[in-house]
Amino acid sequence: MKHLLIGIAVSCLVFQVGHFYEHVAQWVIWLMGWTSGICGRDTPWMSPWVTYVVESFGAWAWPALDYKVQMARSMEVLHIVGNLIFLTGLVALMLLIPNRWVKWGLMIETFHLYEHIMLTVSVFTVGKPIGMSTLFGGAFLFDQETAVGIRVTWHALMNLIPMPFAMMGIMQWWEARR
């Protein structure tokens, strides 16, 4: 059982590192704006392979719906899946290393997952994502660049914050073993 938990924890944490880097790249490109040569600040960037996955899933799951609706739904559903993967890794880590650092990472990631549940439910029910990262639907109070910046920054941070807690938990456990 211990080896299975180690495999789950390592696999999920490696996945999260990739997910985090996607959000960091998105944030850096947003920060650079038009000077990035990729897209402006009014559009959240996605890597080509992530765009392909989101488009493909959206077209498969909701073929009769408009492209923008497919993309919004697909993006939110896939974020729930991604956050569940990371949460699963943190649960496995908590079972292996039950310390306060891992516990804090688990609680923060649970909060992040809750945000994505809110965003997904609202996309399906009212047609737009409503949560903390969208200022509970109040992002329209700002211009498009600012609204995108708030959401991109929020998600980069929420993908970053639990990871050092997990790392501190692993490091504390490692030191205690010596």
Foldseek 3Di string as FASTA:
>chain_A
DLVVLVVLLVVLLVLLVVVLVQLVVQLVCLVCAVVVVPHGLLDRDGPPVVVVQQQVQLCVVPVPDDSVLSNQLSVLVVVLVSLVSNLSSLVSLCVVQVDPLSVVLNVLSVVVSVQSVQQNVCCVPVNGGAGVQQVRVPVVVDPSSVSSNSNSVVVSCSSPVSVVSSVVSVVVVVVVVD
